[in-house]
Amino acid sequence: VVTIGGHHVSRDREEVRRLIGYMPDFFGIYEELKVEEYLTFFA
């Protein structure tokens, strides 16, 4: 069992995802976008 902030990672996935920011070792970026556009999209 894994919990983050009291939420069960497997059962309460949406609640956990609101709590976390995950940066993998290799992450995809939209190279054709501008920096501001990229962050605006994710916001």
All heavy atoms as atom14 arrays in JSON, in Angstrom:
{
  "sequence": "VVTIGGHHVSRDREEVRRLIGYMPDFFGIYEELKVEEYLTFFA",
  "atom14_mask": [
    [1, 1, 1, 1, 1, 1, 1, 0, 0, 0, 0, 0, 0, 0],
    [1, 1, 1, 1, 1, 1, 1, 0, 0, 0, 0, 0, 0, 0],
    [1, 1, 1, 1, 1, 1, 1, 0, 0, 0, 0, 0, 0, 0],
    [1, 1, 1, 1, 1, 1, 1, 1, 0, 0, 0, 0, 0, 0],
    [1, 1, 1, 1, 0, 0, 0, 0, 0, 0, 0, 0, 0, 0],
    [1, 1, 1, 1, 0, 0, 0, 0, 0, 0, 0, 0, 0, 0],
    [1, 1, 1, 1, 1, 1, 1, 1, 1, 1, 0, 0, 0, 0],
    [1, 1, 1, 1, 1, 1, 1, 1, 1, 1, 0, 0, 0, 0],
    [1, 1, 1, 1, 1, 1, 1, 0, 0, 0, 0, 0, 0, 0],
    [1, 1, 1, 1, 1, 1, 0, 0, 0, 0, 0, 0, 0, 0],
    [1, 1, 1, 1, 1, 1, 1, 1, 1, 1, 1, 0, 0, 0],
    [1, 1, 1, 1, 1, 1, 1, 1, 0, 0, 0, 0, 0, 0],
    [1, 1, 1, 1, 1, 1, 1, 1, 1, 1, 1, 0, 0, 0],
    [1, 1, 1, 1, 1, 1, 1, 1, 1, 0, 0, 0, 0, 0],
    [1, 1, 1, 1, 1, 1, 1, 1, 1, 0, 0, 0, 0, 0],
    [1, 1, 1, 1, 1, 1, 1, 0, 0, 0, 0, 0, 0, 0],
    [1, 1, 1, 1, 1, 1, 1, 1, 1, 1, 1, 0, 0, 0],
    [1, 1, 1, 1, 1, 1, 1, 1, 1, 1, 1, 0, 0, 0],
    [1, 1, 1, 1, 1, 1, 1, 1, 0, 0, 0, 0, 0, 0],
    [1, 1, 1, 1, 1, 1, 1, 1, 0, 0, 0, 0, 0, 0],
    [1, 1, 1, 1, 0, 0, 0, 0, 0, 0, 0, 0, 0, 0],
    [1, 1, 1, 1, 1, 1, 1, 1, 1, 1, 1, 1, 0, 0],
    [1, 1, 1, 1, 1, 1, 1, 1, 0, 0, 0, 0, 0, 0],
    [1, 1, 1, 1, 1, 1, 1, 0, 0, 0, 0, 0, 0, 0],
    [1, 1, 1, 1, 1, 1, 1, 1, 0, 0, 0, 0, 0, 0],
    [1, 1, 1, 1, 1, 1, 1, 1, 1, 1, 1, 0, 0, 0],
    [1, 1, 1, 1, 1, 1, 1, 1, 1, 1, 1, 0, 0, 0],
    [1, 1, 1, 1, 0, 0, 0, 0, 0, 0, 0, 0, 0, 0],
    [1, 1, 1, 1, 1, 1, 1, 1, 0, 0, 0, 0, 0, 0],
    [1, 1, 1, 1, 1, 1, 1, 1, 1, 1, 1, 1, 0, 0],
    [1, 1, 1, 1, 1, 1, 1, 1, 1, 0, 0, 0, 0, 0],
    [1, 1, 1, 1, 1, 1, 1, 1, 1, 0, 0, 0, 0, 0],
    [1, 1, 1, 1, 1, 1, 1, 1, 0, 0, 0, 0, 0, 0],
    [1, 1, 1, 1, 1, 1, 1, 1, 1, 0, 0, 0, 0, 0],
    [1, 1, 1, 1, 1, 1, 1, 0, 0, 0, 0, 0, 0, 0],
    [1, 1, 1, 1, 1, 1, 1, 1, 1, 0, 0, 0, 0, 0],
    [1, 1, 1, 1, 1, 1, 1, 1, 1, 0, 0, 0, 0, 0],
    [1, 1, 1, 1, 1, 1, 1, 1, 1, 1, 1, 1, 0, 0],
    [1, 1, 1, 1, 1, 1, 1, 1, 0, 0, 0, 0, 0, 0],
    [1, 1, 1, 1, 1, 1, 1, 0, 0, 0, 0, 0, 0, 0],
    [1, 1, 1, 1, 1, 1, 1, 1, 1, 1, 1, 0, 0, 0],
    [1, 1, 1, 1, 1, 1, 1, 1, 1, 1, 1, 0, 0, 0],
    [1, 1, 1, 1, 1, 0, 0, 0, 0, 0, 0, 0, 0, 0]
  ],
  "atom14_positions": [
    [[0.84, -1.19, 0.0], [0.0, 0.0, 0.0], [0.88, 1.24, 0.0], [1.88, 1.31, 0.71], [-0.92, 0.02, 1.24], [-1.7, 1.33, 1.32], [-1.87, -1.17, 1.21], [0.0, 0.0, 0.0], [0.0, 0.0, 0.0], [0.0, 0.0, 0.0], [0.0, 0.0, 0.0], [0.0, 0.0, 0.0], [0.0, 0.0, 0.0], [0.0, 0.0, 0.0]],
    [[0.49, 2.23, -0.8], [1.19, 3.52, -0.83], [0.17, 4.62, -0.6], [-0.91, 4.61, -1.2], [1.88, 3.75, -2.2], [2.64, 5.08, -2.18], [2.81, 2.61, -2.54], [0.0, 0.0, 0.0], [0.0, 0.0, 0.0], [0.0, 0.0, 0.0], [0.0, 0.0, 0.0], [0.0, 0.0, 0.0], [0.0, 0.0, 0.0], [0.0, 0.0, 0.0]],
    [[0.49, 5.57, 0.28], [-0.39, 6.73, 0.49], [0.44, 8.0, 0.37], [1.61, 8.05, 0.74], [-1.06, 6.71, 1.87], [-0.07, 6.76, 2.9], [-1.9, 5.45, 2.05], [0.0, 0.0, 0.0], [0.0, 0.0, 0.0], [0.0, 0.0, 0.0], [0.0, 0.0, 0.0], [0.0, 0.0, 0.0], [0.0, 0.0, 0.0], [0.0, 0.0, 0.0]],
    [[-0.2, 9.04, -0.17], [0.4, 10.38, -0.23], [-0.62, 11.35, 0.32], [-1.75, 11.42, -0.17], [0.78, 10.76, -1.68], [1.85, 9.82, -2.23], [1.26, 12.21, -1.73], [2.28, 10.13, -3.65], [0.0, 0.0, 0.0], [0.0, 0.0, 0.0], [0.0, 0.0, 0.0], [0.0, 0.0, 0.0], [0.0, 0.0, 0.0], [0.0, 0.0, 0.0]],
    [[-0.24, 12.06, 1.37], [-1.17, 13.0, 2.0], [-2.42, 12.33, 2.52], [-3.5, 12.94, 2.52], [0.0, 0.0, 0.0], [0.0, 0.0, 0.0], [0.0, 0.0, 0.0], [0.0, 0.0, 0.0], [0.0, 0.0, 0.0], [0.0, 0.0, 0.0], [0.0, 0.0, 0.0], [0.0, 0.0, 0.0], [0.0, 0.0, 0.0], [0.0, 0.0, 0.0]],
    [[-2.31, 11.07, 2.91], [-3.46, 10.33, 3.42], [-4.31, 9.68, 2.36], [-5.29, 8.99, 2.69], [0.0, 0.0, 0.0], [0.0, 0.0, 0.0], [0.0, 0.0, 0.0], [0.0, 0.0, 0.0], [0.0, 0.0, 0.0], [0.0, 0.0, 0.0], [0.0, 0.0, 0.0], [0.0, 0.0, 0.0], [0.0, 0.0, 0.0], [0.0, 0.0, 0.0]],
    [[-3.98, 9.85, 1.09], [-4.76, 9.28, -0.01], [-4.08, 8.02, -0.55], [-2.88, 8.01, -0.8], [-4.93, 10.28, -1.15], [-5.68, 11.52, -0.77], [-7.04, 11.52, -0.56], [-5.26, 12.79, -0.54], [-7.44, 12.73, -0.23], [-6.37, 13.53, -0.22], [0.0, 0.0, 0.0], [0.0, 0.0, 0.0], [0.0, 0.0, 0.0], [0.0, 0.0, 0.0]],
    [[-4.86, 6.99, -0.75], [-4.39, 5.71, -1.29], [-4.06, 5.9, -2.77], [-4.92, 6.28, -3.57], [-5.49, 4.66, -1.1], [-5.06, 3.26, -1.36], [-4.71, 2.8, -2.61], [-4.93, 2.19, -0.52], [-4.39, 1.52, -2.54], [-4.5, 1.13, -1.28], [0.0, 0.0, 0.0], [0.0, 0.0, 0.0], [0.0, 0.0, 0.0], [0.0, 0.0, 0.0]],
    [[-2.81, 5.63, -3.15], [-2.36, 5.94, -4.5], [-3.12, 5.16, -5.57], [-3.41, 5.69, -6.65], [-0.83, 5.71, -4.62], [-0.39, 5.69, -6.08], [-0.08, 6.79, -3.87], [0.0, 0.0, 0.0], [0.0, 0.0, 0.0], [0.0, 0.0, 0.0], [0.0, 0.0, 0.0], [0.0, 0.0, 0.0], [0.0, 0.0, 0.0], [0.0, 0.0, 0.0]],
    [[-3.45, 3.92, -5.3], [-4.15, 3.11, -6.31], [-5.64, 3.4, -6.37], [-6.25, 3.39, -7.45], [-3.92, 1.62, -6.02], [-2.55, 1.3, -6.13], [0.0, 0.0, 0.0], [0.0, 0.0, 0.0], [0.0, 0.0, 0.0], [0.0, 0.0, 0.0], [0.0, 0.0, 0.0], [0.0, 0.0, 0.0], [0.0, 0.0, 0.0], [0.0, 0.0, 0.0]],
    [[-6.28, 3.67, -5.22], [-7.74, 3.89, -5.18], [-8.13, 5.34, -5.43], [-9.16, 5.62, -6.02], [-8.3, 3.44, -3.83], [-8.3, 1.94, -3.61], [-9.3, 1.57, -2.52], [-9.06, 2.32, -1.29], [-8.42, 1.84, -0.23], [-7.95, 0.59, -0.24], [-8.25, 2.57, 0.85], [0.0, 0.0, 0.0], [0.0, 0.0, 0.0], [0.0, 0.0, 0.0]],
    [[-7.3, 6.27, -4.93], [-7.66, 7.7, -4.98], [-6.74, 8.44, -5.94], [-6.13, 9.45, -5.6], [-7.55, 8.33, -3.57], [-8.3, 7.53, -2.52], [-9.36, 6.99, -2.85], [-7.81, 7.46, -1.38], [0.0, 0.0, 0.0], [0.0, 0.0, 0.0], [0.0, 0.0, 0.0], [0.0, 0.0, 0.0], [0.0, 0.0, 0.0], [0.0, 0.0, 0.0]],
    [[-6.67, 7.94, -7.17], [-5.67, 8.45, -8.1], [-5.88, 9.93, -8.42], [-4.92, 10.7, -8.52], [-5.67, 7.62, -9.39], [-5.29, 6.16, -9.15], [-5.48, 5.31, -10.37], [-4.45, 5.58, -11.37], [-4.42, 4.99, -12.56], [-5.36, 4.13, -12.9], [-3.46, 5.26, -13.41], [0.0, 0.0, 0.0], [0.0, 0.0, 0.0], [0.0, 0.0, 0.0]],
    [[-7.12, 10.37, -8.59], [-7.36, 11.77, -8.95], [-6.96, 12.7, -7.8], [-6.38, 13.77, -8.03], [-8.83, 11.98, -9.32], [-9.24, 11.25, -10.6], [-8.33, 11.6, -11.77], [-8.04, 12.81, -11.98], [-7.89, 10.67, -12.48], [0.0, 0.0, 0.0], [0.0, 0.0, 0.0], [0.0, 0.0, 0.0], [0.0, 0.0, 0.0], [0.0, 0.0, 0.0]],
    [[-7.29, 12.3, -6.56], [-6.9, 13.12, -5.41], [-5.38, 13.21, -5.29], [-4.82, 14.28, -5.01], [-7.48, 12.54, -4.11], [-8.98, 12.72, -3.95], [-9.78, 11.65, -4.71], [-9.17, 10.83, -5.41], [-11.02, 11.66, -4.58], [0.0, 0.0, 0.0], [0.0, 0.0, 0.0], [0.0, 0.0, 0.0], [0.0, 0.0, 0.0], [0.0, 0.0, 0.0]],
    [[-4.7, 12.08, -5.54], [-3.24, 12.07, -5.46], [-2.65, 12.96, -6.54], [-1.7, 13.73, -6.3], [-2.7, 10.63, -5.59], [-1.18, 10.63, -5.78], [-3.07, 9.82, -4.35], [0.0, 0.0, 0.0], [0.0, 0.0, 0.0], [0.0, 0.0, 0.0], [0.0, 0.0, 0.0], [0.0, 0.0, 0.0], [0.0, 0.0, 0.0], [0.0, 0.0, 0.0]],
    [[-3.2, 12.9, -7.74], [-2.64, 13.69, -8.85], [-2.79, 15.18, -8.63], [-2.03, 15.98, -9.19], [-3.31, 13.27, -10.16], [-2.86, 11.9, -10.63], [-3.62, 11.41, -11.84], [-3.13, 10.08, -12.25], [-3.67, 9.37, -13.22], [-4.71, 9.84, -13.89], [-3.18, 8.18, -13.53], [0.0, 0.0, 0.0], [0.0, 0.0, 0.0], [0.0, 0.0, 0.0]],
    [[-3.77, 15.6, -7.83], [-3.88, 17.02, -7.49], [-2.78, 17.45, -6.53], [-2.42, 18.63, -6.48], [-5.25, 17.31, -6.85], [-6.43, 17.15, -7.8], [-7.73, 17.62, -7.18], [-8.85, 17.36, -8.07], [-9.67, 16.31, -7.95], [-9.5, 15.45, -6.96], [-10.67, 16.14, -8.79], [0.0, 0.0, 0.0], [0.0, 0.0, 0.0], [0.0, 0.0, 0.0]],
    [[-2.25, 16.49, -5.79], [-1.23, 16.8, -4.79], [0.19, 16.78, -5.35], [1.08, 17.39, -4.78], [-1.29, 15.78, -3.64], [-2.48, 15.81, -2.7], [-2.39, 14.65, -1.71], [-2.51, 17.14, -1.95], [0.0, 0.0, 0.0], [0.0, 0.0, 0.0], [0.0, 0.0, 0.0], [0.0, 0.0, 0.0], [0.0, 0.0, 0.0], [0.0, 0.0, 0.0]],
    [[0.41, 16.06, -6.45], [1.78, 15.8, -6.89], [2.12, 16.53, -8.19], [1.25, 16.86, -8.99], [2.03, 14.28, -7.1], [1.17, 13.74, -8.26], [1.79, 13.52, -5.81], [1.51, 12.31, -8.65], [0.0, 0.0, 0.0], [0.0, 0.0, 0.0], [0.0, 0.0, 0.0], [0.0, 0.0, 0.0], [0.0, 0.0, 0.0], [0.0, 0.0, 0.0]],
    [[3.41, 16.76, -8.36], [3.97, 17.18, -9.65], [5.05, 16.18, -10.01], [5.99, 15.97, -9.24], [0.0, 0.0, 0.0], [0.0, 0.0, 0.0], [0.0, 0.0, 0.0], [0.0, 0.0, 0.0], [0.0, 0.0, 0.0], [0.0, 0.0, 0.0], [0.0, 0.0, 0.0], [0.0, 0.0, 0.0], [0.0, 0.0, 0.0], [0.0, 0.0, 0.0]],
    [[4.9, 15.52, -11.15], [5.8, 14.43, -11.55], [6.61, 14.85, -12.77], [6.05, 15.21, -13.81], [4.98, 13.17, -11.85], [5.74, 12.07, -12.57], [6.94, 11.58, -12.08], [5.23, 11.52, -13.74], [7.64, 10.57, -12.74], [5.9, 10.5, -14.41], [7.11, 10.03, -13.9], [7.78, 9.03, -14.56], [0.0, 0.0, 0.0], [0.0, 0.0, 0.0]],
    [[7.93, 14.77, -12.64], [8.83, 15.07, -13.75], [9.66, 13.82, -14.03], [10.57, 13.49, -13.27], [9.73, 16.24, -13.39], [10.67, 16.67, -14.51], [11.59, 18.15, -14.02], [12.75, 18.27, -15.36], [0.0, 0.0, 0.0], [0.0, 0.0, 0.0], [0.0, 0.0, 0.0], [0.0, 0.0, 0.0], [0.0, 0.0, 0.0], [0.0, 0.0, 0.0]],
    [[9.37, 13.1, -15.12], [10.13, 11.88, -15.43], [11.53, 12.2, -15.92], [11.85, 13.37, -16.21], [9.29, 11.23, -16.54], [8.55, 12.35, -17.17], [8.31, 13.37, -16.09], [0.0, 0.0, 0.0], [0.0, 0.0, 0.0], [0.0, 0.0, 0.0], [0.0, 0.0, 0.0], [0.0, 0.0, 0.0], [0.0, 0.0, 0.0], [0.0, 0.0, 0.0]],
    [[12.36, 11.16, -16.0], [13.74, 11.39, -16.45], [13.79, 11.84, -17.9], [14.64, 12.64, -18.29], [14.6, 10.14, -16.23], [13.94, 8.87, -16.76], [12.78, 8.93, -17.18], [14.6, 7.82, -16.73], [0.0, 0.0, 0.0], [0.0, 0.0, 0.0], [0.0, 0.0, 0.0], [0.0, 0.0, 0.0], [0.0, 0.0, 0.0], [0.0, 0.0, 0.0]],
    [[12.87, 11.34, -18.74], [12.74, 11.83, -20.11], [11.3, 12.29, -20.3], [10.38, 11.49, -20.25], [13.07, 10.72, -21.12], [14.49, 10.25, -21.04], [14.81, 9.07, -20.39], [15.51, 11.0, -21.61], [16.13, 8.64, -20.3], [16.82, 10.58, -21.53], [17.15, 9.4, -20.88], [0.0, 0.0, 0.0], [0.0, 0.0, 0.0], [0.0, 0.0, 0.0]],
    [[11.12, 13.6, -20.48], [9.76, 14.13, -20.6], [9.58, 14.74, -21.99], [10.5, 15.28, -22.58], [9.48, 15.18, -19.52], [10.41, 16.36, -19.53], [10.1, 17.5, -20.25], [11.61, 16.31, -18.83], [10.97, 18.57, -20.27], [12.48, 17.39, -18.85], [12.17, 18.52, -19.58], [0.0, 0.0, 0.0], [0.0, 0.0, 0.0], [0.0, 0.0, 0.0]],
    [[8.36, 14.61, -22.5], [8.07, 15.15, -23.81], [7.75, 16.63, -23.74], [7.11, 17.1, -22.8], [0.0, 0.0, 0.0], [0.0, 0.0, 0.0], [0.0, 0.0, 0.0], [0.0, 0.0, 0.0], [0.0, 0.0, 0.0], [0.0, 0.0, 0.0], [0.0, 0.0, 0.0], [0.0, 0.0, 0.0], [0.0, 0.0, 0.0], [0.0, 0.0, 0.0]],
    [[8.22, 17.39, -24.72], [7.87, 18.8, -24.81], [7.38, 19.09, -26.23], [7.78, 18.42, -27.18], [9.06, 19.72, -24.46], [10.28, 19.35, -25.31], [9.38, 19.69, -22.99], [11.44, 20.29, -25.11], [0.0, 0.0, 0.0], [0.0, 0.0, 0.0], [0.0, 0.0, 0.0], [0.0, 0.0, 0.0], [0.0, 0.0, 0.0], [0.0, 0.0, 0.0]],
    [[6.5, 20.06, -26.34], [5.98, 20.45, -27.65], [6.91, 21.52, -28.21], [6.74, 22.72, -27.97], [4.55, 20.98, -27.51], [3.62, 19.98, -26.88], [2.9, 20.28, -25.72], [3.47, 18.71, -27.43], [2.05, 19.35, -25.14], [2.61, 17.77, -26.85], [1.92, 18.11, -25.71], [1.08, 17.18, -25.13], [0.0, 0.0, 0.0], [0.0, 0.0, 0.0]],
    [[7.9, 21.09, -28.99], [9.0, 21.97, -29.39], [8.55, 23.13, -30.27], [9.22, 24.15, -30.34], [10.08, 21.17, -30.12], [10.8, 20.18, -29.21], [11.97, 19.52, -29.91], [11.99, 19.53, -31.16], [12.86, 19.02, -29.21], [0.0, 0.0, 0.0], [0.0, 0.0, 0.0], [0.0, 0.0, 0.0], [0.0, 0.0, 0.0], [0.0, 0.0, 0.0]],
    [[7.41, 22.97, -30.94], [6.96, 24.04, -31.85], [6.25, 25.17, -31.11], [6.02, 26.24, -31.68], [6.04, 23.46, -32.93], [4.66, 23.02, -32.45], [4.65, 21.64, -31.81], [5.75, 21.06, -31.62], [3.55, 21.15, -31.5], [0.0, 0.0, 0.0], [0.0, 0.0, 0.0], [0.0, 0.0, 0.0], [0.0, 0.0, 0.0], [0.0, 0.0, 0.0]],
    [[5.89, 24.95, -29.85], [5.23, 25.99, -29.07], [6.24, 26.97, -28.5], [7.42, 26.66, -28.33], [4.44, 25.37, -27.91], [3.2, 24.54, -28.23], [2.55, 24.06, -26.95], [2.21, 25.33, -29.07], [0.0, 0.0, 0.0], [0.0, 0.0, 0.0], [0.0, 0.0, 0.0], [0.0, 0.0, 0.0], [0.0, 0.0, 0.0], [0.0, 0.0, 0.0]],
    [[5.74, 28.16, -28.14], [6.55, 29.1, -27.39], [6.43, 28.77, -25.9], [5.49, 28.11, -25.46], [6.09, 30.54, -27.66], [6.31, 30.97, -29.1], [5.79, 32.37, -29.35], [6.0, 32.78, -30.81], [5.48, 34.13, -31.1], [0.0, 0.0, 0.0], [0.0, 0.0, 0.0], [0.0, 0.0, 0.0], [0.0, 0.0, 0.0], [0.0, 0.0, 0.0]],
    [[7.4, 29.24, -25.13], [7.47, 28.92, -23.7], [6.17, 29.3, -23.0], [5.59, 28.51, -22.24], [8.67, 29.64, -23.06], [8.6, 29.58, -21.54], [9.99, 29.04, -23.55], [0.0, 0.0, 0.0], [0.0, 0.0, 0.0], [0.0, 0.0, 0.0], [0.0, 0.0, 0.0], [0.0, 0.0, 0.0], [0.0, 0.0, 0.0], [0.0, 0.0, 0.0]],
    [[5.69, 30.51, -23.22], [4.47, 30.98, -22.57], [3.26, 30.16, -23.0], [2.39, 29.82, -22.17], [4.26, 32.46, -22.9], [3.13, 33.11, -22.13], [3.09, 34.61, -22.4], [3.37, 35.01, -23.55], [2.77, 35.36, -21.46], [0.0, 0.0, 0.0], [0.0, 0.0, 0.0], [0.0, 0.0, 0.0], [0.0, 0.0, 0.0], [0.0, 0.0, 0.0]],
    [[3.19, 29.81, -24.27], [2.08, 28.99, -24.77], [2.07, 27.62, -24.11], [1.0, 27.07, -23.78], [2.2, 28.82, -26.29], [1.97, 30.09, -27.08], [2.28, 29.93, -28.56], [3.04, 29.0, -28.92], [1.77, 30.72, -29.36], [0.0, 0.0, 0.0], [0.0, 0.0, 0.0], [0.0, 0.0, 0.0], [0.0, 0.0, 0.0], [0.0, 0.0, 0.0]],
    [[3.23, 27.06, -23.92], [3.36, 25.72, -23.32], [2.79, 25.71, -21.9], [1.98, 24.84, -21.55], [4.85, 25.35, -23.32], [5.2, 24.01, -22.73], [5.01, 22.84, -23.44], [5.77, 23.92, -21.46], [5.38, 21.61, -22.91], [6.14, 22.7, -20.92], [5.94, 21.55, -21.65], [6.31, 20.33, -21.12], [0.0, 0.0, 0.0], [0.0, 0.0, 0.0]],
    [[3.18, 26.7, -21.1], [2.69, 26.74, -19.72], [1.21, 27.11, -19.67], [0.47, 26.6, -18.82], [3.52, 27.73, -18.91], [4.99, 27.34, -18.69], [5.71, 28.41, -17.88], [5.1, 25.99, -17.99], [0.0, 0.0, 0.0], [0.0, 0.0, 0.0], [0.0, 0.0, 0.0], [0.0, 0.0, 0.0], [0.0, 0.0, 0.0], [0.0, 0.0, 0.0]],
    [[0.78, 27.98, -20.58], [-0.64, 28.35, -20.63], [-1.5, 27.13, -20.95], [-2.58, 26.94, -20.37], [-0.86, 29.45, -21.68], [-0.11, 30.61, -21.31], [-2.33, 29.81, -21.78], [0.0, 0.0, 0.0], [0.0, 0.0, 0.0], [0.0, 0.0, 0.0], [0.0, 0.0, 0.0], [0.0, 0.0, 0.0], [0.0, 0.0, 0.0], [0.0, 0.0, 0.0]],
    [[-1.03, 26.29, -21.86], [-1.76, 25.08, -22.21], [-1.94, 24.17, -20.99], [-3.05, 23.71, -20.71], [-1.03, 24.32, -23.32], [-1.55, 22.93, -23.55], [-2.76, 22.71, -24.18], [-0.82, 21.82, -23.11], [-3.25, 21.42, -24.37], [-1.29, 20.54, -23.31], [-2.51, 20.33, -23.93], [0.0, 0.0, 0.0], [0.0, 0.0, 0.0], [0.0, 0.0, 0.0]],
    [[-0.87, 23.94, -20.25], [-0.98, 23.04, -19.1], [-1.8, 23.66, -17.97], [-2.5, 22.95, -17.24], [0.41, 22.62, -18.62], [1.0, 21.51, -19.43], [1.93, 21.76, -20.43], [0.6, 20.19, -19.23], [2.45, 20.73, -21.2], [1.11, 19.16, -19.98], [2.03, 19.43, -20.99], [0.0, 0.0, 0.0], [0.0, 0.0, 0.0], [0.0, 0.0, 0.0]],
    [[-1.73, 24.98, -17.81], [-2.59, 25.63, -16.83], [-4.06, 25.43, -17.19], [-4.91, 25.18, -16.33], [-2.26, 27.11, -16.74], [0.0, 0.0, 0.0], [0.0, 0.0, 0.0], [0.0, 0.0, 0.0], [0.0, 0.0, 0.0], [0.0, 0.0, 0.0], [0.0, 0.0, 0.0], [0.0, 0.0, 0.0], [0.0, 0.0, 0.0], [0.0, 0.0, 0.0]]
  ]
}
